[in-house]
C-alpha atoms as a PDB file:
ATOM      1  CA  THR A   1      -0.236  -0.031  -0.180  1.00  0.00           C
ATOM      2  CA  THR A   2       0.937   3.833  -0.286  1.00  0.00           C
ATOM      3  CA  LEU A   3       1.015   6.278   2.702  1.00  0.00           C
ATOM      4  CA  SER A   4       1.068   9.766   2.241  1.00  0.00           C
ATOM      5  CA  THR A   5       1.953  12.757   4.504  1.00  0.00           C
ATOM      6  CA  GLY A   6      -0.785  13.067   7.618  1.00  0.00           C
ATOM      7  CA  GLN A   7      -3.294   9.339   5.808  1.00  0.00           C
ATOM      8  CA  SER A   8      -3.557   7.087   8.311  1.00  0.00           C
ATOM      9  CA  ARG A   9      -4.445   2.952   7.593  1.00  0.00           C
ATOM     10  CA  VAL A  10      -6.435   0.649   9.636  1.00  0.00           C
ATOM     11  CA  TYR A  11      -5.756  -3.060   9.559  1.00  0.00           C
ATOM     12  CA  LYS A  12      -7.878  -5.849  11.121  1.00  0.00           C
ATOM     13  CA  LEU A  13      -5.515  -9.179  11.663  1.00  0.00           C
ATOM     14  CA  THR A  14      -6.879 -12.849  12.957  1.00  0.00           C
ATOM     15  CA  VAL A  15      -4.628 -14.791  15.005  1.00  0.00           C
ATOM     16  CA  GLY A  16      -4.678 -17.487  17.374  1.00  0.00           C
ATOM     17  CA  GLU A  17      -3.381 -18.189  20.854  1.00  0.00           C
ATOM     18  CA  GLY A  18      -0.239 -18.295  21.876  1.00  0.00           C
ATOM     19  CA  GLU A  19       1.497 -16.413  18.499  1.00  0.00           C
ATOM     20  CA  THR A  20       4.011 -13.429  17.674  1.00  0.00           C
ATOM     21  CA  LEU A  21       2.217 -11.055  16.149  1.00  0.00           C
ATOM     22  CA  ARG A  22       5.548  -8.826  14.329  1.00  0.00           C
ATOM     23  CA  VAL A  23       4.157  -6.119  12.359  1.00  0.00           C
ATOM     24  CA  ARG A  24       6.600  -4.033   9.665  1.00  0.00           C
ATOM     25  CA  LEU A  25       6.183  -1.016   7.814  1.00  0.00           C
ATOM     26  CA  THR A  26       8.608  -0.648   5.058  1.00  0.00           C
ATOM     27  CA  THR A  27       9.447   2.038   2.743  1.00  0.00           C
ATOM     28  CA  PRO A  28      12.745   3.188   0.814  1.00  0.00           C
ATOM     29  CA  SER A  29      12.700   6.835   1.835  1.00  0.00           C
ATOM     30  CA  GLN A  30      14.598   7.397   4.282  1.00  0.00           C
ATOM     31  CA  ASP A  31      13.218  10.448   4.538  1.00  0.00           C
ATOM     32  CA  ALA A  32       9.925   9.720   5.875  1.00  0.00           C
ATOM     33  CA  SER A  33       8.519   9.271   9.479  1.00  0.00           C
ATOM     34  CA  ASN A  34       5.733   6.610  10.762  1.00  0.00           C
ATOM     35  CA  GLU A  35       4.359   5.094  13.267  1.00  0.00           C
ATOM     36  CA  VAL A  36       2.679   2.200  13.775  1.00  0.00           C
ATOM     37  CA  PHE A  37       0.607   0.729  16.916  1.00  0.00           C
ATOM     38  CA  ILE A  38      -1.475  -2.569  17.605  1.00  0.00           C
ATOM     39  CA  ARG A  39      -4.758  -3.380  20.106  1.00  0.00           C
ATOM     40  CA  TYR A  40      -6.189  -6.077  20.659  1.00  0.00           C
ATOM     41  CA  GLY A  41     -10.206  -6.224  19.712  1.00  0.00           C
ATOM     42  CA  ALA A  42     -10.228  -2.682  19.445  1.00  0.00           C
ATOM     43  CA  VAL A  43      -8.596   0.289  16.888  1.00  0.00           C
ATOM     44  CA  PRO A  44      -5.592   1.798  18.354  1.00  0.00           C
ATOM     45  CA  ASP A  45      -4.535   5.085  19.003  1.00  0.00           C
ATOM     46  CA  GLY A  46      -2.056   7.600  20.055  1.00  0.00           C
ATOM     47  CA  TYR A  47      -3.058   6.514  23.784  1.00  0.00           C
ATOM     48  CA  ASN A  48      -4.760   3.438  23.515  1.00  0.00           C
ATOM     49  CA  TYR A  49      -2.682   0.611  21.943  1.00  0.00           C
ATOM     50  CA  ASP A  50      -1.161  -3.399  23.433  1.00  0.00           C
ATOM     51  CA  ALA A  51       2.413  -2.358  21.196  1.00  0.00           C
ATOM     52  CA  THR A  52       3.845   0.987  19.724  1.00  0.00           C
ATOM     53  CA  TYR A  53       6.571   1.077  16.681  1.00  0.00           C
ATOM     54  CA  GLU A  54      10.348   1.055  18.418  1.00  0.00           C
ATOM     55  CA  ASN A  55      12.087   4.164  17.279  1.00  0.00           C
ATOM     56  CA  PRO A  56       9.902   7.343  16.887  1.00  0.00           C
ATOM     57  CA  LEU A  57       9.250   9.051  14.100  1.00  0.00           C
ATOM     58  CA  GLN A  58      11.369   6.991  11.312  1.00  0.00           C
ATOM     59  CA  ALA A  59      11.348   5.410   8.456  1.00  0.00           C
ATOM     60  CA  ASN A  60      10.585   1.704   8.910  1.00  0.00           C
ATOM     61  CA  GLN A  61       9.165   0.562  11.900  1.00  0.00           C
ATOM     62  CA  THR A  62       8.499  -2.703  14.271  1.00  0.00           C
ATOM     63  CA  ALA A  63       5.817  -3.143  16.307  1.00  0.00           C
ATOM     64  CA  VAL A  64       5.500  -6.426  18.246  1.00  0.00           C
ATOM     65  CA  ILE A  65       3.230  -8.725  20.582  1.00  0.00           C
ATOM     66  CA  ALA A  66       5.110 -10.917  21.902  1.00  0.00           C
ATOM     67  CA  TYR A  67       2.282 -13.945  22.824  1.00  0.00           C
ATOM     68  CA  THR A  68      -1.361 -12.997  21.114  1.00  0.00           C
ATOM     69  CA  GLN A  69      -4.448 -14.078  22.725  1.00  0.00           C
ATOM     70  CA  PRO A  70      -6.817 -15.591  20.441  1.00  0.00           C
ATOM     71  CA  GLY A  71      -8.888 -12.984  18.003  1.00  0.00           C
ATOM     72  CA  ASP A  72      -8.698 -10.003  15.973  1.00  0.00           C
ATOM     73  CA  TYR A  73      -5.945  -7.374  16.250  1.00  0.00           C
ATOM     74  CA  TYR A  74      -5.864  -3.843  14.937  1.00  0.00           C
ATOM     75  CA  VAL A  75      -3.248  -2.688  13.116  1.00  0.00           C
ATOM     76  CA  LEU A  76      -3.073   1.472  12.980  1.00  0.00           C
ATOM     77  CA  ILE A  77      -0.084   3.276  10.591  1.00  0.00           C
ATOM     78  CA  ARG A  78       0.324   6.337  10.231  1.00  0.00           C
ATOM     79  CA  GLY A  79       2.856   8.752   8.228  1.00  0.00           C
ATOM     80  CA  HIS A  80       3.942  11.639   9.863  1.00  0.00           C
ATOM     81  CA  SER A  81       6.519  12.798   6.660  1.00  0.00           C
ATOM     82  CA  GLU A  82       5.735  10.889   3.207  1.00  0.00           C
ATOM     83  CA  PRO A  83       8.921  12.167   0.262  1.00  0.00           C
ATOM     84  CA  SER A  84       7.644  12.291  -3.099  1.00  0.00           C
END
């Protein structure tokens, strides 16, 4: 998918119990800055999440849930700065 400056996207993932959920957001542009949030059972935001990105406002981000509950996880990605 593509992501523009100021744009957000939400994804729903259904997983089993005891899995590792790792979400990676990558871009060829090292000048970009992005965020990733994961939450069980509801859409995350900047304040309510179960996992978040590791490096603030970097181009490539990873968020991890080490041991999942069975059910739905929601992933929010936000593009703060996306060069052309």
